[in-house]
């Protein structure tokens, strides 16, 4: 009987915790009018796109719609779980990034149709990843349980390294998907010239250049591409380069933000803060 009673109490506590979490999520979603408006509009657009893809029988695109729908809740979920406060500009940027990457990029093929769409998103990703890395260290510095102090330069360097690590890991993911699932996440580039030691007639280590390539034939079939097909190398290096640019931009902004003791207006719009102890959302979540 005692075990049964404990089980019932545990189940009741779980239900109460889930209910409290849902209430905290609802409060967080509606806390800022601007971000809630963007969230609501994007959610409607994603749902419309999901219904459209299901009616067309495009279940792969429907999966991306479901993924985007879940990711739209991610900023609010993180705020409730980690008891942090995302500035509205940062939250709106994240929401728009998710929609641009999953719905516009994957479902509506903007990666192929719109020039440099992938480049723009990778640049923004570098900026946001640096902001996340910078914020993580700032929040740790604000933690009373930790006593270390970091210089502005070291904070900026950590943010930069974090962003580049995220960029490299993403390229690993794209390469793995292309190899094992036979996707084309690492987009191809058409080249008119190549240099390779494989073209050395003597079998040495001298790179030979083949210029003026106008066509390529594979197994007797003319590809009709107007040049040599590079399978992902240029795309990967371009993605890492623009990620580097985005990371450097925010790292510089973050450096001056710390140097001026938090007086930078731009940086403060992209750096989360800890929720106060008497915050109603944090209080409701503390029961979990």
C-alpha atoms as a PDB file:
ATOM      1  CA  UNK A   1       0.000   0.000   0.000  1.00  0.00           C
ATOM      2  CA  UNK A   2       2.840   2.363   0.858  1.00  0.00           C
ATOM      3  CA  UNK A   3       4.488   1.749  -2.534  1.00  0.00           C
ATOM      4  CA  UNK A   4       1.200   2.344  -4.334  1.00  0.00           C
ATOM      5  CA  UNK A   5       0.655   5.560  -2.397  1.00  0.00           C
ATOM      6  CA  UNK A   6       4.166   6.767  -3.231  1.00  0.00           C
ATOM      7  CA  UNK A   7       3.606   5.928  -6.896  1.00  0.00           C
ATOM      8  CA  UNK A   8       0.362   7.893  -6.973  1.00  0.00           C
ATOM      9  CA  UNK A   9       2.056  10.849  -5.271  1.00  0.00           C
ATOM     10  CA  UNK A  10       4.880  10.707  -7.779  1.00  0.00           C
ATOM     11  CA  UNK A  11       2.456  10.640 -10.721  1.00  0.00           C
ATOM     12  CA  UNK A  12       0.505  13.551  -9.271  1.00  0.00           C
ATOM     13  CA  UNK A  13       3.717  15.521  -8.785  1.00  0.00           C
ATOM     14  CA  UNK A  14       4.749  14.823 -12.386  1.00  0.00           C
ATOM     15  CA  UNK A  15       1.393  16.063 -13.662  1.00  0.00           C
ATOM     16  CA  UNK A  16       1.691  19.178 -11.516  1.00  0.00           C
ATOM     17  CA  UNK A  17       5.220  19.828 -12.784  1.00  0.00           C
ATOM     18  CA  UNK A  18       4.145  19.436 -16.413  1.00  0.00           C
ATOM     19  CA  UNK A  19       1.223  21.784 -15.854  1.00  0.00           C
ATOM     20  CA  UNK A  20       3.519  24.330 -14.189  1.00  0.00           C
ATOM     21  CA  UNK A  21       5.987  24.086 -17.065  1.00  0.00           C
ATOM     22  CA  UNK A  22       3.258  24.648 -19.662  1.00  0.00           C
ATOM     23  CA  UNK A  23       2.086  27.717 -17.745  1.00  0.00           C
ATOM     24  CA  UNK A  24       5.654  29.027 -17.584  1.00  0.00           C
ATOM     25  CA  UNK A  25       6.074  28.469 -21.333  1.00  0.00           C
ATOM     26  CA  UNK A  26       2.825  30.308 -22.064  1.00  0.00           C
ATOM     27  CA  UNK A  27       3.936  33.261 -19.933  1.00  0.00           C
ATOM     28  CA  UNK A  28       7.347  33.340 -21.563  1.00  0.00           C
ATOM     29  CA  UNK A  29       5.920  33.272 -25.083  1.00  0.00           C
ATOM     30  CA  UNK A  30       3.717  36.295 -24.348  1.00  0.00           C
ATOM     31  CA  UNK A  31       6.196  38.262 -22.251  1.00  0.00           C
ATOM     32  CA  UNK A  32       7.442  40.471 -25.111  1.00  0.00           C
ATOM     33  CA  UNK A  33       4.876  41.649 -27.649  1.00  0.00           C
ATOM     34  CA  UNK A  34       7.364  42.008 -30.508  1.00  0.00           C
ATOM     35  CA  UNK A  35       8.833  38.509 -30.253  1.00  0.00           C
ATOM     36  CA  UNK A  36       5.395  36.974 -29.599  1.00  0.00           C
ATOM     37  CA  UNK A  37       4.022  38.646 -32.746  1.00  0.00           C
ATOM     38  CA  UNK A  38       6.902  37.280 -34.840  1.00  0.00           C
ATOM     39  CA  UNK A  39       6.499  33.838 -33.254  1.00  0.00           C
ATOM     40  CA  UNK A  40       2.744  33.797 -33.956  1.00  0.00           C
ATOM     41  CA  UNK A  41       3.116  34.871 -37.594  1.00  0.00           C
ATOM     42  CA  UNK A  42       5.900  32.365 -38.292  1.00  0.00           C
ATOM     43  CA  UNK A  43       3.988  29.560 -36.583  1.00  0.00           C
ATOM     44  CA  UNK A  44       0.953  30.203 -38.787  1.00  0.00           C
ATOM     45  CA  UNK A  45       3.142  30.243 -41.905  1.00  0.00           C
ATOM     46  CA  UNK A  46       4.817  26.979 -40.892  1.00  0.00           C
ATOM     47  CA  UNK A  47       1.477  25.273 -40.224  1.00  0.00           C
ATOM     48  CA  UNK A  48       0.127  26.434 -43.597  1.00  0.00           C
ATOM     49  CA  UNK A  49       3.274  25.126 -45.282  1.00  0.00           C
ATOM     50  CA  UNK A  50       2.958  21.822 -43.392  1.00  0.00           C
ATOM     51  CA  UNK A  51      -0.625  21.293 -44.570  1.00  0.00           C
ATOM     52  CA  UNK A  52       0.360  22.194 -48.119  1.00  0.00           C
ATOM     53  CA  UNK A  53       3.259  19.708 -48.164  1.00  0.00           C
ATOM     54  CA  UNK A  54       1.090  16.905 -46.772  1.00  0.00           C
ATOM     55  CA  UNK A  55      -1.558  17.559 -49.426  1.00  0.00           C
ATOM     56  CA  UNK A  56       1.152  17.403 -52.103  1.00  0.00           C
ATOM     57  CA  UNK A  57       2.490  14.153 -50.686  1.00  0.00           C
ATOM     58  CA  UNK A  58       5.895  15.713 -50.038  1.00  0.00           C
ATOM     59  CA  UNK A  59       6.578  14.050 -46.705  1.00  0.00           C
ATOM     60  CA  UNK A  60      10.244  14.995 -46.564  1.00  0.00           C
ATOM     61  CA  UNK A  61       9.286  18.666 -46.749  1.00  0.00           C
ATOM     62  CA  UNK A  62       6.524  18.012 -44.208  1.00  0.00           C
ATOM     63  CA  UNK A  63       9.210  16.687 -41.853  1.00  0.00           C
ATOM     64  CA  UNK A  64      11.159  19.952 -42.195  1.00  0.00           C
ATOM     65  CA  UNK A  65       7.948  21.840 -41.389  1.00  0.00           C
ATOM     66  CA  UNK A  66       7.445  19.796 -38.224  1.00  0.00           C
ATOM     67  CA  UNK A  67      11.081  20.337 -37.296  1.00  0.00           C
ATOM     68  CA  UNK A  68      10.723  24.095 -37.788  1.00  0.00           C
ATOM     69  CA  UNK A  69       7.517  24.123 -35.724  1.00  0.00           C
ATOM     70  CA  UNK A  70       9.336  22.468 -32.813  1.00  0.00           C
ATOM     71  CA  UNK A  71      12.383  24.717 -33.139  1.00  0.00           C
ATOM     72  CA  UNK A  72      10.231  27.847 -32.936  1.00  0.00           C
ATOM     73  CA  UNK A  73       9.495  26.907 -29.306  1.00  0.00           C
ATOM     74  CA  UNK A  74      13.184  26.409 -28.534  1.00  0.00           C
ATOM     75  CA  UNK A  75      14.004  29.998 -27.378  1.00  0.00           C
ATOM     76  CA  UNK A  76      11.134  30.020 -24.877  1.00  0.00           C
ATOM     77  CA  UNK A  77      11.971  26.506 -23.707  1.00  0.00           C
ATOM     78  CA  UNK A  78      15.576  27.510 -23.050  1.00  0.00           C
ATOM     79  CA  UNK A  79      14.506  30.609 -21.148  1.00  0.00           C
ATOM     80  CA  UNK A  80      12.252  28.610 -18.849  1.00  0.00           C
ATOM     81  CA  UNK A  81      14.634  25.681 -18.364  1.00  0.00           C
ATOM     82  CA  UNK A  82      17.818  27.713 -17.892  1.00  0.00           C
ATOM     83  CA  UNK A  83      16.096  30.653 -16.166  1.00  0.00           C
ATOM     84  CA  UNK A  84      17.610  33.190 -18.526  1.00  0.00           C
ATOM     85  CA  UNK A  85      16.118  36.142 -20.379  1.00  0.00           C
ATOM     86  CA  UNK A  86      16.710  36.494 -24.115  1.00  0.00           C
ATOM     87  CA  UNK A  87      16.520  40.083 -25.387  1.00  0.00           C
ATOM     88  CA  UNK A  88      13.697  40.439 -27.964  1.00  0.00           C
ATOM     89  CA  UNK A  89      16.111  41.284 -30.853  1.00  0.00           C
ATOM     90  CA  UNK A  90      18.048  38.066 -30.220  1.00  0.00           C
ATOM     91  CA  UNK A  91      14.890  35.975 -29.919  1.00  0.00           C
ATOM     92  CA  UNK A  92      13.413  37.459 -33.102  1.00  0.00           C
ATOM     93  CA  UNK A  93      16.674  36.860 -34.980  1.00  0.00           C
ATOM     94  CA  UNK A  94      16.716  33.220 -33.886  1.00  0.00           C
ATOM     95  CA  UNK A  95      13.079  32.711 -34.912  1.00  0.00           C
ATOM     96  CA  UNK A  96      13.642  34.284 -38.331  1.00  0.00           C
ATOM     97  CA  UNK A  97      16.827  32.242 -38.788  1.00  0.00           C
ATOM     98  CA  UNK A  98      14.911  29.010 -38.125  1.00  0.00           C
ATOM     99  CA  UNK A  99      12.198  29.956 -40.618  1.00  0.00           C
ATOM    100  CA  UNK A 100      14.709  31.081 -43.237  1.00  0.00           C
ATOM    101  CA  UNK A 101      16.776  27.903 -42.919  1.00  0.00           C
ATOM    102  CA  UNK A 102      14.077  25.248 -42.677  1.00  0.00           C
ATOM    103  CA  UNK A 103      11.023  26.612 -44.510  1.00  0.00           C
ATOM    104  CA  UNK A 104      12.469  29.023 -47.044  1.00  0.00           C
ATOM    105  CA  UNK A 105      15.773  27.216 -47.495  1.00  0.00           C
ATOM    106  CA  UNK A 106      14.774  23.546 -47.446  1.00  0.00           C
ATOM    107  CA  UNK A 107      11.044  23.444 -48.232  1.00  0.00           C
ATOM    108  CA  UNK A 108      10.947  26.305 -50.772  1.00  0.00           C
ATOM    109  CA  UNK A 109      14.442  25.550 -52.154  1.00  0.00           C
ATOM    110  CA  UNK A 110      15.841  29.045 -51.541  1.00  0.00           C
ATOM    111  CA  UNK A 111      19.263  27.425 -51.208  1.00  0.00           C
ATOM    112  CA  UNK A 112      19.066  26.718 -54.938  1.00  0.00           C
ATOM    113  CA  UNK A 113      16.734  29.430 -56.213  1.00  0.00           C
ATOM    114  CA  UNK A 114      18.090  32.480 -54.347  1.00  0.00           C
ATOM    115  CA  UNK A 115      21.782  33.311 -54.940  1.00  0.00           C
ATOM    116  CA  UNK A 116      23.935  33.385 -51.780  1.00  0.00           C
ATOM    117  CA  UNK A 117      21.042  32.356 -49.519  1.00  0.00           C
ATOM    118  CA  UNK A 118      23.244  29.716 -47.903  1.00  0.00           C
ATOM    119  CA  UNK A 119      26.088  32.232 -47.558  1.00  0.00           C
ATOM    120  CA  UNK A 120      23.848  34.744 -45.790  1.00  0.00           C
ATOM    121  CA  UNK A 121      22.602  32.142 -43.295  1.00  0.00           C
ATOM    122  CA  UNK A 122      26.097  30.851 -42.542  1.00  0.00           C
ATOM    123  CA  UNK A 123      27.256  34.415 -41.875  1.00  0.00           C
ATOM    124  CA  UNK A 124      24.339  34.957 -39.506  1.00  0.00           C
ATOM    125  CA  UNK A 125      25.039  31.580 -37.904  1.00  0.00           C
ATOM    126  CA  UNK A 126      28.612  32.650 -37.180  1.00  0.00           C
ATOM    127  CA  UNK A 127      27.334  35.849 -35.577  1.00  0.00           C
ATOM    128  CA  UNK A 128      24.691  34.069 -33.462  1.00  0.00           C
ATOM    129  CA  UNK A 129      27.020  31.245 -32.406  1.00  0.00           C
ATOM    130  CA  UNK A 130      29.590  33.799 -31.234  1.00  0.00           C
ATOM    131  CA  UNK A 131      26.812  35.558 -29.289  1.00  0.00           C
ATOM    132  CA  UNK A 132      25.847  32.254 -27.651  1.00  0.00           C
ATOM    133  CA  UNK A 133      29.438  31.428 -26.731  1.00  0.00           C
ATOM    134  CA  UNK A 134      30.009  34.941 -25.396  1.00  0.00           C
ATOM    135  CA  UNK A 135      26.784  34.812 -23.386  1.00  0.00           C
ATOM    136  CA  UNK A 136      27.649  31.459 -21.836  1.00  0.00           C
ATOM    137  CA  UNK A 137      30.900  32.851 -20.439  1.00  0.00           C
ATOM    138  CA  UNK A 138      29.221  36.092 -19.319  1.00  0.00           C
ATOM    139  CA  UNK A 139      26.558  34.111 -17.442  1.00  0.00           C
ATOM    140  CA  UNK A 140      29.234  31.953 -15.816  1.00  0.00           C
ATOM    141  CA  UNK A 141      31.079  35.091 -14.781  1.00  0.00           C
ATOM    142  CA  UNK A 142      27.876  36.377 -13.175  1.00  0.00           C
ATOM    143  CA  UNK A 143      27.440  33.159 -11.210  1.00  0.00           C
ATOM    144  CA  UNK A 144      28.273  33.773  -7.553  1.00  0.00           C
ATOM    145  CA  UNK A 145      29.476  30.177  -7.137  1.00  0.00           C
ATOM    146  CA  UNK A 146      32.306  30.776  -9.604  1.00  0.00           C
ATOM    147  CA  UNK A 147      35.177  33.106  -8.816  1.00  0.00           C
ATOM    148  CA  UNK A 148      37.188  33.357 -12.050  1.00  0.00           C
ATOM    149  CA  UNK A 149      37.563  36.605 -13.994  1.00  0.00           C
ATOM    150  CA  UNK A 150      38.268  36.814 -17.734  1.00  0.00           C
ATOM    151  CA  UNK A 151      39.718  39.716 -19.668  1.00  0.00           C
ATOM    152  CA  UNK A 152      37.673  41.268 -22.516  1.00  0.00           C
ATOM    153  CA  UNK A 153      40.116  39.875 -25.079  1.00  0.00           C
ATOM    154  CA  UNK A 154      39.865  36.347 -23.698  1.00  0.00           C
ATOM    155  CA  UNK A 155      36.066  36.547 -23.644  1.00  0.00           C
ATOM    156  CA  UNK A 156      36.055  37.631 -27.287  1.00  0.00           C
ATOM    157  CA  UNK A 157      38.513  34.857 -28.170  1.00  0.00           C
ATOM    158  CA  UNK A 158      36.334  32.227 -26.482  1.00  0.00           C
ATOM    159  CA  UNK A 159      33.271  33.496 -28.349  1.00  0.00           C
ATOM    160  CA  UNK A 160      35.155  33.337 -31.641  1.00  0.00           C
ATOM    161  CA  UNK A 161      36.454  29.813 -30.982  1.00  0.00           C
ATOM    162  CA  UNK A 162      33.001  28.599 -29.929  1.00  0.00           C
ATOM    163  CA  UNK A 163      31.454  29.961 -33.126  1.00  0.00           C
ATOM    164  CA  UNK A 164      34.106  28.394 -35.357  1.00  0.00           C
ATOM    165  CA  UNK A 165      33.736  25.058 -33.550  1.00  0.00           C
ATOM    166  CA  UNK A 166      29.988  25.108 -34.199  1.00  0.00           C
ATOM    167  CA  UNK A 167      30.663  25.938 -37.867  1.00  0.00           C
ATOM    168  CA  UNK A 168      33.144  23.062 -38.247  1.00  0.00           C
ATOM    169  CA  UNK A 169      30.821  20.584 -36.531  1.00  0.00           C
ATOM    170  CA  UNK A 170      28.020  21.617 -38.892  1.00  0.00           C
ATOM    171  CA  UNK A 171      30.276  20.968 -41.909  1.00  0.00           C
ATOM    172  CA  UNK A 172      31.053  17.532 -40.433  1.00  0.00           C
ATOM    173  CA  UNK A 173      27.300  16.913 -40.281  1.00  0.00           C
ATOM    174  CA  UNK A 174      26.807  18.010 -43.905  1.00  0.00           C
ATOM    175  CA  UNK A 175      29.687  15.792 -45.074  1.00  0.00           C
ATOM    176  CA  UNK A 176      28.306  12.794 -43.140  1.00  0.00           C
ATOM    177  CA  UNK A 177      24.826  13.312 -44.571  1.00  0.00           C
ATOM    178  CA  UNK A 178      26.205  13.485 -48.108  1.00  0.00           C
ATOM    179  CA  UNK A 179      28.305  10.341 -47.620  1.00  0.00           C
ATOM    180  CA  UNK A 180      25.870   8.086 -45.794  1.00  0.00           C
ATOM    181  CA  UNK A 181      22.406   9.383 -46.721  1.00  0.00           C
ATOM    182  CA  UNK A 182      23.366  10.576 -50.242  1.00  0.00           C
ATOM    183  CA  UNK A 183      22.041  14.107 -49.805  1.00  0.00           C
ATOM    184  CA  UNK A 184      23.630  17.194 -51.351  1.00  0.00           C
ATOM    185  CA  UNK A 185      24.043  19.484 -48.352  1.00  0.00           C
ATOM    186  CA  UNK A 186      27.532  20.473 -49.490  1.00  0.00           C
ATOM    187  CA  UNK A 187      26.445  22.221 -52.664  1.00  0.00           C
ATOM    188  CA  UNK A 188      28.525  21.740 -55.813  1.00  0.00           C
ATOM    189  CA  UNK A 189      30.456  24.373 -57.758  1.00  0.00           C
ATOM    190  CA  UNK A 190      31.143  24.486 -61.508  1.00  0.00           C
ATOM    191  CA  UNK A 191      34.821  25.207 -62.228  1.00  0.00           C
ATOM    192  CA  UNK A 192      36.579  26.083 -65.468  1.00  0.00           C
ATOM    193  CA  UNK A 193      40.031  25.043 -64.231  1.00  0.00           C
ATOM    194  CA  UNK A 194      41.501  22.616 -61.701  1.00  0.00           C
ATOM    195  CA  UNK A 195      44.968  21.873 -60.314  1.00  0.00           C
ATOM    196  CA  UNK A 196      45.937  18.428 -59.051  1.00  0.00           C
ATOM    197  CA  UNK A 197      49.012  16.227 -58.586  1.00  0.00           C
ATOM    198  CA  UNK A 198      46.857  13.396 -59.937  1.00  0.00           C
ATOM    199  CA  UNK A 199      47.311  14.964 -63.385  1.00  0.00           C
ATOM    200  CA  UNK A 200      51.135  14.743 -63.220  1.00  0.00           C
ATOM    201  CA  UNK A 201      52.108  12.421 -66.104  1.00  0.00           C
ATOM    202  CA  UNK A 202      55.265  11.397 -64.237  1.00  0.00           C
ATOM    203  CA  UNK A 203      53.306  10.317 -61.178  1.00  0.00           C
ATOM    204  CA  UNK A 204      55.145  12.853 -59.010  1.00  0.00           C
ATOM    205  CA  UNK A 205      54.032  15.511 -56.576  1.00  0.00           C
ATOM    206  CA  UNK A 206      53.816  18.357 -59.068  1.00  0.00           C
ATOM    207  CA  UNK A 207      50.417  20.006 -59.375  1.00  0.00           C
ATOM    208  CA  UNK A 208      49.305  20.229 -62.994  1.00  0.00           C
ATOM    209  CA  UNK A 209      46.679  22.787 -64.062  1.00  0.00           C
ATOM    210  CA  UNK A 210      43.917  21.986 -66.494  1.00  0.00           C
ATOM    211  CA  UNK A 211      42.309  25.194 -67.781  1.00  0.00           C
ATOM    212  CA  UNK A 212      39.443  26.066 -70.102  1.00  0.00           C
ATOM    213  CA  UNK A 213      37.207  23.197 -69.036  1.00  0.00           C
ATOM    214  CA  UNK A 214      33.877  23.556 -70.825  1.00  0.00           C
ATOM    215  CA  UNK A 215      32.424  20.091 -70.434  1.00  0.00           C
ATOM    216  CA  UNK A 216      32.777  16.856 -68.454  1.00  0.00           C
ATOM    217  CA  UNK A 217      31.835  13.342 -69.549  1.00  0.00           C
ATOM    218  CA  UNK A 218      31.182  10.567 -67.016  1.00  0.00           C
ATOM    219  CA  UNK A 219      30.861   6.972 -68.244  1.00  0.00           C
ATOM    220  CA  UNK A 220      30.198   8.259 -71.727  1.00  0.00           C
ATOM    221  CA  UNK A 221      27.465  10.627 -70.589  1.00  0.00           C
ATOM    222  CA  UNK A 222      27.837  14.354 -71.185  1.00  0.00           C
ATOM    223  CA  UNK A 223      26.867  16.167 -67.953  1.00  0.00           C
ATOM    224  CA  UNK A 224      26.181  19.416 -69.802  1.00  0.00           C
ATOM    225  CA  UNK A 225      27.308  21.575 -66.891  1.00  0.00           C
ATOM    226  CA  UNK A 226      29.695  23.821 -68.787  1.00  0.00           C
ATOM    227  CA  UNK A 227      32.659  22.937 -66.581  1.00  0.00           C
ATOM    228  CA  UNK A 228      34.153  20.652 -63.957  1.00  0.00           C
ATOM    229  CA  UNK A 229      31.870  19.598 -61.096  1.00  0.00           C
ATOM    230  CA  UNK A 230      33.456  20.292 -57.701  1.00  0.00           C
ATOM    231  CA  UNK A 231      31.632  18.219 -55.073  1.00  0.00           C
ATOM    232  CA  UNK A 232      31.459  20.448 -52.033  1.00  0.00           C
ATOM    233  CA  UNK A 233      34.993  21.710 -51.359  1.00  0.00           C
ATOM    234  CA  UNK A 234      34.367  25.301 -52.450  1.00  0.00           C
ATOM    235  CA  UNK A 235      31.002  25.366 -50.695  1.00  0.00           C
ATOM    236  CA  UNK A 236      32.530  24.123 -47.419  1.00  0.00           C
ATOM    237  CA  UNK A 237      35.377  26.639 -47.483  1.00  0.00           C
ATOM    238  CA  UNK A 238      32.998  29.483 -48.349  1.00  0.00           C
ATOM    239  CA  UNK A 239      30.700  28.496 -45.472  1.00  0.00           C
ATOM    240  CA  UNK A 240      33.604  28.459 -43.019  1.00  0.00           C
ATOM    241  CA  UNK A 241      34.877  31.791 -44.332  1.00  0.00           C
ATOM    242  CA  UNK A 242      31.566  33.605 -43.865  1.00  0.00           C
ATOM    243  CA  UNK A 243      31.146  31.889 -40.470  1.00  0.00           C
ATOM    244  CA  UNK A 244      34.551  33.333 -39.622  1.00  0.00           C
ATOM    245  CA  UNK A 245      33.387  36.806 -40.657  1.00  0.00           C
ATOM    246  CA  UNK A 246      30.225  36.589 -38.533  1.00  0.00           C
ATOM    247  CA  UNK A 247      32.220  35.304 -35.560  1.00  0.00           C
ATOM    248  CA  UNK A 248      34.782  38.092 -35.837  1.00  0.00           C
ATOM    249  CA  UNK A 249      32.083  40.770 -36.058  1.00  0.00           C
ATOM    250  CA  UNK A 250      30.351  39.724 -32.861  1.00  0.00           C
ATOM    251  CA  UNK A 251      33.629  38.999 -31.046  1.00  0.00           C
ATOM    252  CA  UNK A 252      34.739  42.576 -31.714  1.00  0.00           C
ATOM    253  CA  UNK A 253      31.353  43.906 -30.564  1.00  0.00           C
ATOM    254  CA  UNK A 254      31.548  41.733 -27.443  1.00  0.00           C
ATOM    255  CA  UNK A 255      35.087  42.880 -26.694  1.00  0.00           C
ATOM    256  CA  UNK A 256      34.080  46.528 -26.562  1.00  0.00           C
ATOM    257  CA  UNK A 257      30.917  45.612 -24.634  1.00  0.00           C
ATOM    258  CA  UNK A 258      33.009  44.148 -21.805  1.00  0.00           C
ATOM    259  CA  UNK A 259      35.687  46.815 -22.153  1.00  0.00           C
ATOM    260  CA  UNK A 260      33.056  49.510 -21.569  1.00  0.00           C
ATOM    261  CA  UNK A 261      31.514  47.503 -18.704  1.00  0.00           C
ATOM    262  CA  UNK A 262      28.259  46.602 -20.430  1.00  0.00           C
ATOM    263  CA  UNK A 263      27.480  50.002 -21.965  1.00  0.00           C
ATOM    264  CA  UNK A 264      27.296  48.824 -25.578  1.00  0.00           C
ATOM    265  CA  UNK A 265      23.718  49.090 -26.865  1.00  0.00           C
ATOM    266  CA  UNK A 266      24.163  46.726 -29.814  1.00  0.00           C
ATOM    267  CA  UNK A 267      25.803  43.904 -27.872  1.00  0.00           C
ATOM    268  CA  UNK A 268      23.259  44.115 -25.053  1.00  0.00           C
ATOM    269  CA  UNK A 269      20.517  43.280 -27.570  1.00  0.00           C
ATOM    270  CA  UNK A 270      22.128  39.890 -28.222  1.00  0.00           C
ATOM    271  CA  UNK A 271      23.352  38.861 -24.757  1.00  0.00           C
ATOM    272  CA  UNK A 272      20.975  36.903 -22.472  1.00  0.00           C
ATOM    273  CA  UNK A 273      20.750  37.741 -18.792  1.00  0.00           C
ATOM    274  CA  UNK A 274      19.852  35.693 -15.733  1.00  0.00           C
ATOM    275  CA  UNK A 275      16.246  35.982 -14.620  1.00  0.00           C
ATOM    276  CA  UNK A 276      15.797  37.679 -11.232  1.00  0.00           C
ATOM    277  CA  UNK A 277      14.968  35.412  -8.338  1.00  0.00           C
ATOM    278  CA  UNK A 278      11.497  36.930  -7.954  1.00  0.00           C
ATOM    279  CA  UNK A 279      10.686  36.503 -11.643  1.00  0.00           C
ATOM    280  CA  UNK A 280       7.217  34.917 -11.892  1.00  0.00           C
ATOM    281  CA  UNK A 281       8.261  32.603 -14.715  1.00  0.00           C
ATOM    282  CA  UNK A 282      11.340  31.465 -12.868  1.00  0.00           C
ATOM    283  CA  UNK A 283       9.315  30.963  -9.707  1.00  0.00           C
ATOM    284  CA  UNK A 284       6.758  28.795 -11.484  1.00  0.00           C
ATOM    285  CA  UNK A 285       9.535  26.691 -13.006  1.00  0.00           C
ATOM    286  CA  UNK A 286      11.395  26.304  -9.715  1.00  0.00           C
ATOM    287  CA  UNK A 287       8.869  23.718  -8.544  1.00  0.00           C
ATOM    288  CA  UNK A 288      10.202  21.205 -11.075  1.00  0.00           C
END
